[in-house]
Amino acid sequence: MNNQWKQYLQSQGAILTHDEDSIEHFGQPENEQAAVADGNIIIPITKTTFIHVAGDDAKSFLQGQLTNDIGLIDQQRSQLSGYCNPKGRLLALFRITQHPDGYRLHLPQCLLDRTLSRLKMFVLMAKVTLEAAPAEIIRMGVAGDRAQQALRSHFESLPDDENSVCEENDLTVIRLPSVHPRFEIIGDATAVQALWHTLSSSFTPVGSGAWQLLDIDAGQPRVVAETMEMFIPQMLNLDVIDGVNFKKGCYPGQEVVARLHYRGKLKRHMHIVQFDADDCPPPGAPLCATDDPDGQTIGNMVLAHPLSRTTPTTVYRALCVIANEFAIDNGVCLQGDTKTTFKLHDLPYTFPSAGE
């Protein structure tokens, strides 16, 4: 976490997480949790970075590596795209933006080194450079019904549609899928800090984890270190949320992904669930049937975040990949723990029904 940004947020009342690399809350956790659901909020987005891809062959290089059609990206539109191993399992999931100096592959910080090293292995003779984001680049999120109106007073143009992008005043603004309007703002610490200072008088500052909760409610998955090579793109609904293109050319794992689309029958999909638990299950945690909690794994956790903190358990909302036959009956729990029976919530987009 950028030191200048960290020190500024602490001066605004931020309480750091145990690893001091994120923000737990701003001193009023219960009020902040209520604001995430009902209010207008600003969020320090942490543990996220990007890989900068530049050069004459940047577009063709990415086209040969990723699941989506890079040709559909421009400086006004971002794109989700997966990076698979030869077996079609996701190594990373990027949101990609295009800029005058190249492309940015936005991803979790925990995947940066491995992903950057792997991509560099395939550059060969291509005219491409790949570099990690500078340390001074930071992010904040703005969400809520007043978000768009508030940001319009700071930007001449603003993304109107989900996944659209604008770049102005040394800041990149991405409008992301969400139940309520949601914007991610990326730039150097000084510029982002100035915007935060202005908005903090009318928006509630909340901890960094709220951004993950907004991703969950929007049905937007992440791949992190614990879930690398665990999921095929369709398991994370990437075919539904425009994260994979079946008409583009080859990329690692393309045969597996395409075969499943055209000839196969996907037996697991990603769902939104809610449950009570003593502790937050980590990404990748195995799931079982409630009538056989120590039996065969029928799915895995993608992301989880607390909705409310009570005693002795906490209510969590999560994204999980679950076998279709068990998702229908909601007969799913954490492995070895029948107390964590899941209740399914509707996804905010059209979802293939079981058996399709």
Protein backbone atom coordinates (compact mmCIF):
# COMPACT_ATOMS: atom_id res chain seq x y z
CA MET A 1 0.00 0.00 0.00
CA ASN A 2 1.39 3.38 -1.02
CA ASN A 3 2.81 5.09 2.10
CA GLN A 4 1.56 8.57 1.19
CA TRP A 5 -1.94 7.19 0.66
CA LYS A 6 -1.81 5.14 3.86
CA GLN A 7 -0.72 8.11 5.97
CA TYR A 8 -3.41 10.33 4.49
CA LEU A 9 -6.15 7.77 5.16
CA GLN A 10 -4.94 7.33 8.73
CA SER A 11 -5.20 11.09 9.19
CA GLN A 12 -8.84 10.71 8.14
CA GLY A 13 -9.52 8.11 10.85
CA ALA A 14 -8.69 4.92 8.94
CA ILE A 15 -7.91 1.80 10.97
CA LEU A 16 -5.44 -0.52 9.25
CA THR A 17 -5.85 -4.27 8.90
CA HIS A 18 -3.40 -6.56 10.74
CA ASP A 19 -1.08 -6.73 7.74
CA GLU A 20 -1.17 -2.90 7.49
CA ASP A 21 -1.77 -3.25 3.77
CA SER A 22 -5.47 -2.42 3.70
CA ILE A 23 -8.14 -0.43 5.57
CA GLU A 24 -10.36 -2.26 8.07
CA HIS A 25 -12.76 0.65 8.71
CA PHE A 26 -12.89 4.35 9.58
CA GLY A 27 -13.84 4.06 13.25
CA GLN A 28 -17.56 3.31 12.91
CA PRO A 29 -17.77 -0.23 11.50
CA GLU A 30 -21.50 -0.76 12.15
CA ASN A 31 -22.51 2.53 10.53
CA GLU A 32 -20.15 1.84 7.64
CA GLN A 33 -21.67 -1.60 7.03
CA ALA A 34 -25.12 -0.01 6.87
CA ALA A 35 -23.84 2.60 4.44
CA VAL A 36 -22.49 -0.06 2.07
CA ALA A 37 -26.00 -1.45 1.66
CA ASP A 38 -27.99 1.79 1.64
CA GLY A 39 -25.76 4.81 1.25
CA ASN A 40 -23.22 6.62 -0.85
CA ILE A 41 -19.68 5.52 -0.05
CA ILE A 42 -16.02 6.07 -0.94
CA ILE A 43 -13.62 3.16 -0.60
CA PRO A 44 -9.82 2.89 -0.65
CA ILE A 45 -9.21 0.01 -3.07
CA THR A 46 -6.14 -1.91 -1.99
CA LYS A 47 -4.19 -5.03 -2.96
CA THR A 48 -4.88 -4.35 -6.65
CA THR A 49 -2.38 -3.39 -9.33
CA PHE A 50 -1.85 -3.67 -13.08
CA ILE A 51 0.58 -4.94 -15.68
CA HIS A 52 1.42 -2.34 -18.33
CA VAL A 53 1.70 -3.90 -21.80
CA ALA A 54 3.19 -1.70 -24.53
CA GLY A 55 4.87 -1.96 -27.91
CA ASP A 56 3.99 -2.41 -31.57
CA ASP A 57 2.88 -6.01 -31.01
CA ALA A 58 1.02 -5.48 -27.72
CA LYS A 59 -2.43 -6.04 -29.21
CA SER A 60 -1.54 -9.20 -31.15
CA PHE A 61 0.42 -10.56 -28.19
CA LEU A 62 -2.54 -10.21 -25.83
CA GLN A 63 -4.91 -11.57 -28.48
CA GLY A 64 -2.90 -14.79 -28.50
CA GLN A 65 -2.87 -15.14 -24.70
CA LEU A 66 -6.30 -14.19 -23.35
CA THR A 67 -9.88 -15.48 -23.55
CA ASN A 68 -11.51 -12.33 -24.91
CA ASP A 69 -11.21 -10.38 -28.16
CA ILE A 70 -8.71 -7.59 -27.50
CA GLY A 71 -9.85 -5.90 -30.69
CA LEU A 72 -13.10 -4.92 -28.96
CA ILE A 73 -11.27 -2.75 -26.40
CA ASP A 74 -10.68 0.96 -26.99
CA GLN A 75 -9.89 3.93 -24.77
CA GLN A 76 -13.57 4.30 -23.89
CA ARG A 77 -14.35 0.68 -23.07
CA SER A 78 -12.77 -1.81 -20.67
CA GLN A 79 -13.04 -5.58 -20.86
CA LEU A 80 -12.89 -8.66 -18.65
CA SER A 81 -10.54 -11.33 -19.94
CA GLY A 82 -9.14 -14.55 -18.53
CA TYR A 83 -5.65 -16.02 -18.74
CA CYS A 84 -5.71 -19.82 -18.82
CA ASN A 85 -3.27 -22.68 -18.59
CA PRO A 86 -3.27 -25.28 -21.41
CA LYS A 87 -6.00 -27.23 -19.57
CA GLY A 88 -8.36 -24.26 -19.70
CA ARG A 89 -8.03 -23.43 -15.99
CA LEU A 90 -7.79 -19.75 -15.07
CA LEU A 91 -4.41 -18.46 -13.94
CA ALA A 92 -5.69 -14.89 -13.68
CA LEU A 93 -8.67 -12.71 -14.50
CA PHE A 94 -8.02 -9.17 -15.73
CA ARG A 95 -10.01 -6.04 -16.31
CA ILE A 96 -8.22 -4.50 -19.28
CA THR A 97 -8.12 -0.82 -20.19
CA GLN A 98 -6.45 0.78 -23.19
CA HIS A 99 -4.42 3.98 -22.99
CA PRO A 100 -2.33 6.02 -25.43
CA ASP A 101 0.80 4.26 -24.14
CA GLY A 102 -0.59 0.70 -24.21
CA TYR A 103 -2.82 -1.63 -22.23
CA ARG A 104 -3.26 -2.15 -18.50
CA LEU A 105 -4.15 -5.59 -17.17
CA HIS A 106 -5.69 -4.92 -13.76
CA LEU A 107 -5.37 -7.82 -11.31
CA PRO A 108 -4.91 -8.67 -7.60
CA GLN A 109 -1.49 -7.79 -6.20
CA CYS A 110 -1.01 -11.40 -5.03
CA LEU A 111 -0.90 -12.60 -8.66
CA LEU A 112 1.38 -9.91 -10.05
CA ASP A 113 4.79 -11.58 -9.92
CA ARG A 114 3.69 -14.99 -11.17
CA THR A 115 1.49 -13.60 -13.92
CA LEU A 116 4.09 -11.11 -15.12
CA SER A 117 6.78 -13.79 -15.21
CA ARG A 118 4.57 -16.21 -17.12
CA LEU A 119 3.50 -13.65 -19.71
CA LYS A 120 7.13 -12.66 -20.30
CA MET A 121 7.93 -16.29 -21.15
CA PHE A 122 5.79 -15.99 -24.29
CA VAL A 123 7.01 -12.65 -25.61
CA LEU A 124 9.79 -14.32 -27.65
CA MET A 125 10.55 -12.05 -30.64
CA ALA A 126 7.42 -9.87 -30.30
CA LYS A 127 7.85 -6.12 -29.88
CA VAL A 128 6.23 -6.04 -26.44
CA THR A 129 7.22 -4.76 -23.02
CA LEU A 130 5.53 -5.83 -19.79
CA GLU A 131 6.02 -3.89 -16.56
CA ALA A 132 4.38 -3.70 -13.13
CA ALA A 133 2.45 -0.55 -12.23
CA PRO A 134 4.43 2.23 -10.53
CA ALA A 135 4.11 2.29 -6.74
CA GLU A 136 2.60 5.77 -6.77
CA ILE A 137 -0.51 4.58 -8.62
CA ILE A 138 -3.44 4.08 -6.23
CA ARG A 139 -7.21 3.47 -6.44
CA MET A 140 -10.43 4.52 -4.82
CA GLY A 141 -14.03 3.53 -5.37
CA VAL A 142 -17.16 5.69 -5.39
CA ALA A 143 -20.56 4.00 -5.20
CA GLY A 144 -24.19 4.93 -4.60
CA ASP A 145 -27.09 6.71 -6.23
CA ARG A 146 -25.34 10.08 -5.91
CA ALA A 147 -22.00 8.86 -7.24
CA GLN A 148 -22.51 9.89 -10.84
CA GLN A 149 -23.81 13.35 -9.99
CA ALA A 150 -20.97 14.00 -7.56
CA LEU A 151 -18.28 12.92 -10.01
CA ARG A 152 -19.72 15.03 -12.82
CA SER A 153 -18.62 18.13 -10.95
CA HIS A 154 -15.00 16.88 -11.19
CA PHE A 155 -14.91 15.43 -14.71
CA GLU A 156 -16.10 16.94 -17.98
CA SER A 157 -16.99 13.49 -19.26
CA LEU A 158 -17.94 10.45 -17.20
CA PRO A 159 -18.58 6.83 -18.21
CA ASP A 160 -22.35 6.36 -18.59
CA ASP A 161 -22.40 2.64 -19.32
CA GLU A 162 -21.03 -0.29 -17.35
CA ASN A 163 -17.47 -1.21 -18.40
CA SER A 164 -16.93 2.16 -20.05
CA VAL A 165 -13.88 4.32 -19.29
CA CYS A 166 -12.75 7.94 -19.35
CA GLU A 167 -9.36 9.49 -18.67
CA GLU A 168 -9.11 13.05 -17.45
CA ASN A 169 -6.99 15.15 -15.09
CA ASP A 170 -4.46 12.30 -14.82
CA LEU A 171 -7.18 9.99 -13.50
CA THR A 172 -8.73 6.92 -15.10
CA VAL A 173 -12.41 6.37 -14.27
CA ILE A 174 -14.04 2.98 -14.94
CA ARG A 175 -17.76 2.39 -14.48
CA LEU A 176 -18.16 -1.15 -13.18
CA PRO A 177 -21.14 -3.52 -13.04
CA SER A 178 -23.04 -3.02 -9.80
CA VAL A 179 -26.50 -2.91 -8.25
CA HIS A 180 -26.02 0.86 -7.75
CA PRO A 181 -23.73 3.13 -9.83
CA ARG A 182 -20.10 2.27 -9.07
CA PHE A 183 -16.86 3.84 -10.29
CA GLU A 184 -13.22 2.87 -9.85
CA ILE A 185 -10.78 5.78 -10.01
CA ILE A 186 -7.07 5.19 -10.66
CA GLY A 187 -4.21 7.66 -10.60
CA ASP A 188 -1.23 8.97 -8.66
CA ALA A 189 -1.58 9.42 -4.92
CA THR A 190 -1.79 13.22 -5.02
CA ALA A 191 -4.65 13.33 -7.56
CA VAL A 192 -6.68 10.56 -5.94
CA GLN A 193 -6.14 12.01 -2.47
CA ALA A 194 -7.47 15.41 -3.64
CA LEU A 195 -10.63 13.79 -5.00
CA TRP A 196 -11.11 11.78 -1.79
CA HIS A 197 -10.78 14.96 0.27
CA THR A 198 -13.53 16.64 -1.75
CA LEU A 199 -15.96 13.72 -1.69
CA SER A 200 -15.46 12.75 1.96
CA SER A 201 -17.74 15.55 3.15
CA SER A 202 -20.78 14.04 1.42
CA PHE A 203 -19.88 10.33 1.09
CA THR A 204 -19.25 7.83 3.89
CA PRO A 205 -15.68 6.45 3.93
CA VAL A 206 -15.71 2.66 4.43
CA GLY A 207 -13.10 -0.08 4.67
CA SER A 208 -11.44 -1.65 1.64
CA GLY A 209 -13.36 -4.92 2.00
CA ALA A 210 -16.56 -3.17 0.96
CA TRP A 211 -15.28 -3.17 -2.62
CA GLN A 212 -15.18 -6.95 -2.55
CA LEU A 213 -18.76 -7.04 -1.23
CA LEU A 214 -19.89 -4.85 -4.13
CA ASP A 215 -18.17 -7.29 -6.52
CA ILE A 216 -20.04 -10.16 -4.89
CA ASP A 217 -23.42 -8.44 -5.17
CA ALA A 218 -22.68 -7.69 -8.83
CA GLY A 219 -21.71 -11.31 -9.53
CA GLN A 220 -18.21 -10.27 -10.60
CA PRO A 221 -15.61 -12.98 -9.79
CA ARG A 222 -11.94 -12.74 -8.92
CA VAL A 223 -9.10 -15.20 -9.27
CA VAL A 224 -6.57 -15.02 -6.42
CA ALA A 225 -3.55 -17.07 -5.38
CA GLU A 226 -5.68 -19.70 -3.63
CA THR A 227 -7.88 -20.27 -6.69
CA MET A 228 -5.30 -20.24 -9.47
CA GLU A 229 -5.94 -23.14 -11.89
CA MET A 230 -9.15 -24.09 -10.05
CA PHE A 231 -11.86 -22.80 -12.40
CA ILE A 232 -12.66 -23.01 -16.10
CA PRO A 233 -13.96 -19.62 -17.38
CA GLN A 234 -17.57 -20.81 -17.71
CA MET A 235 -17.58 -21.91 -14.05
CA LEU A 236 -17.14 -18.23 -13.12
CA ASN A 237 -19.90 -17.21 -15.56
CA LEU A 238 -17.39 -15.43 -17.82
CA ASP A 239 -19.42 -16.55 -20.83
CA VAL A 240 -22.39 -14.65 -19.37
CA ILE A 241 -20.57 -11.46 -18.30
CA ASP A 242 -18.56 -11.02 -21.52
CA GLY A 243 -15.26 -12.35 -20.23
CA VAL A 244 -14.71 -14.90 -23.02
CA ASN A 245 -15.16 -14.70 -26.79
CA PHE A 246 -15.80 -17.95 -28.69
CA LYS A 247 -15.21 -16.44 -32.15
CA LYS A 248 -11.64 -15.21 -31.65
CA GLY A 249 -8.47 -17.11 -32.46
CA CYS A 250 -6.38 -19.47 -30.37
CA TYR A 251 -5.06 -18.88 -26.88
CA PRO A 252 -3.78 -21.26 -24.17
CA GLY A 253 -6.62 -23.54 -23.10
CA GLN A 254 -8.87 -22.43 -25.98
CA GLU A 255 -9.67 -25.98 -27.13
CA VAL A 256 -10.94 -26.98 -23.69
CA VAL A 257 -12.99 -23.80 -23.24
CA ALA A 258 -14.48 -23.99 -26.74
CA ARG A 259 -15.23 -27.71 -26.53
CA LEU A 260 -17.18 -27.20 -23.33
CA HIS A 261 -19.14 -24.37 -24.95
CA TYR A 262 -20.03 -26.14 -28.18
CA ARG A 263 -20.17 -29.81 -27.19
CA GLY A 264 -20.08 -30.09 -23.43
CA LYS A 265 -22.48 -29.64 -20.56
CA LEU A 266 -21.18 -27.48 -17.74
CA LYS A 267 -22.02 -29.10 -14.42
CA ARG A 268 -20.97 -26.21 -12.13
CA HIS A 269 -21.76 -22.50 -12.13
CA MET A 270 -21.03 -19.54 -9.91
CA HIS A 271 -23.77 -18.37 -7.51
CA ILE A 272 -24.29 -15.70 -4.85
CA VAL A 273 -24.90 -17.25 -1.43
CA GLN A 274 -25.43 -16.14 2.15
CA PHE A 275 -24.62 -18.07 5.32
CA ASP A 276 -23.63 -17.84 9.00
CA ALA A 277 -20.15 -18.93 10.08
CA ASP A 278 -17.66 -18.49 12.90
CA ASP A 279 -14.90 -17.40 10.53
CA CYS A 280 -14.65 -16.15 6.97
CA PRO A 281 -13.90 -19.08 4.63
CA PRO A 282 -10.92 -18.43 2.35
CA PRO A 283 -11.08 -18.46 -1.46
CA GLY A 284 -11.00 -22.02 -2.73
CA ALA A 285 -12.51 -23.51 0.44
CA PRO A 286 -14.24 -26.80 -0.47
CA LEU A 287 -18.02 -27.19 -0.29
CA CYS A 288 -20.01 -30.35 0.36
CA ALA A 289 -23.61 -31.51 0.44
CA THR A 290 -25.30 -30.80 3.79
CA ASP A 291 -26.27 -34.46 4.14
CA ASP A 292 -22.65 -35.53 3.55
CA PRO A 293 -20.47 -32.73 4.98
CA ASP A 294 -17.31 -34.82 4.93
CA GLY A 295 -17.93 -36.34 1.54
CA GLN A 296 -17.11 -35.48 -2.05
CA THR A 297 -16.43 -31.82 -2.87
CA ILE A 298 -19.30 -30.29 -4.87
CA GLY A 299 -17.89 -26.78 -5.25
CA ASN A 300 -15.50 -24.12 -4.01
CA MET A 301 -15.56 -20.67 -2.51
CA VAL A 302 -14.66 -17.79 -4.85
CA LEU A 303 -15.01 -14.74 -2.56
CA ALA A 304 -16.65 -14.13 0.82
CA HIS A 305 -17.21 -11.01 2.90
CA PRO A 306 -19.10 -10.29 6.15
CA LEU A 307 -22.49 -8.56 5.97
CA SER A 308 -22.86 -8.11 9.71
CA ARG A 309 -20.82 -9.09 12.73
CA THR A 310 -22.80 -10.76 15.49
CA THR A 311 -22.09 -13.14 18.34
CA PRO A 312 -21.29 -15.99 18.14
CA THR A 313 -21.43 -16.14 14.34
CA THR A 314 -21.18 -13.69 11.47
CA VAL A 315 -23.41 -13.38 8.41
CA TYR A 316 -21.43 -13.66 5.17
CA ARG A 317 -22.25 -13.14 1.52
CA ALA A 318 -20.13 -14.94 -1.04
CA LEU A 319 -19.59 -16.07 -4.59
CA CYS A 320 -19.30 -19.84 -4.86
CA VAL A 321 -18.97 -22.33 -7.69
CA ILE A 322 -21.51 -25.08 -6.97
CA ALA A 323 -22.57 -28.24 -8.79
CA ASN A 324 -25.91 -27.53 -10.46
CA GLU A 325 -27.78 -30.43 -8.88
CA PHE A 326 -26.98 -29.21 -5.36
CA ALA A 327 -27.50 -25.53 -6.11
CA ILE A 328 -31.10 -26.26 -7.06
CA ASP A 329 -31.86 -27.70 -3.61
CA ASN A 330 -29.57 -25.30 -1.69
CA GLY A 331 -28.21 -28.37 0.07
CA VAL A 332 -24.67 -27.00 0.33
CA CYS A 333 -22.37 -26.27 3.28
CA LEU A 334 -18.71 -25.70 4.01
CA GLN A 335 -16.83 -28.98 4.12
CA GLY A 336 -17.15 -30.53 7.56
CA ASP A 337 -19.47 -27.81 8.91
CA THR A 338 -23.24 -28.28 8.50
CA LYS A 339 -23.88 -25.03 10.41
CA THR A 340 -22.85 -23.10 7.30
CA THR A 341 -25.80 -24.12 5.14
CA PHE A 342 -26.02 -21.77 2.17
CA LYS A 343 -29.01 -19.78 0.99
CA LEU A 344 -28.86 -18.80 -2.68
CA HIS A 345 -29.45 -15.23 -3.89
CA ASP A 346 -30.37 -14.17 -7.40
CA LEU A 347 -27.57 -13.12 -9.71
CA PRO A 348 -28.01 -9.64 -11.26
CA TYR A 349 -27.70 -10.99 -14.80
CA THR A 350 -29.29 -13.64 -16.95
CA PHE A 351 -27.94 -16.99 -15.83
CA PRO A 352 -28.06 -20.33 -17.67
CA SER A 353 -30.43 -22.61 -15.80
CA ALA A 354 -29.19 -26.01 -14.64
CA GLY A 355 -29.08 -28.48 -17.48
CA GLU A 356 -28.59 -25.95 -20.27
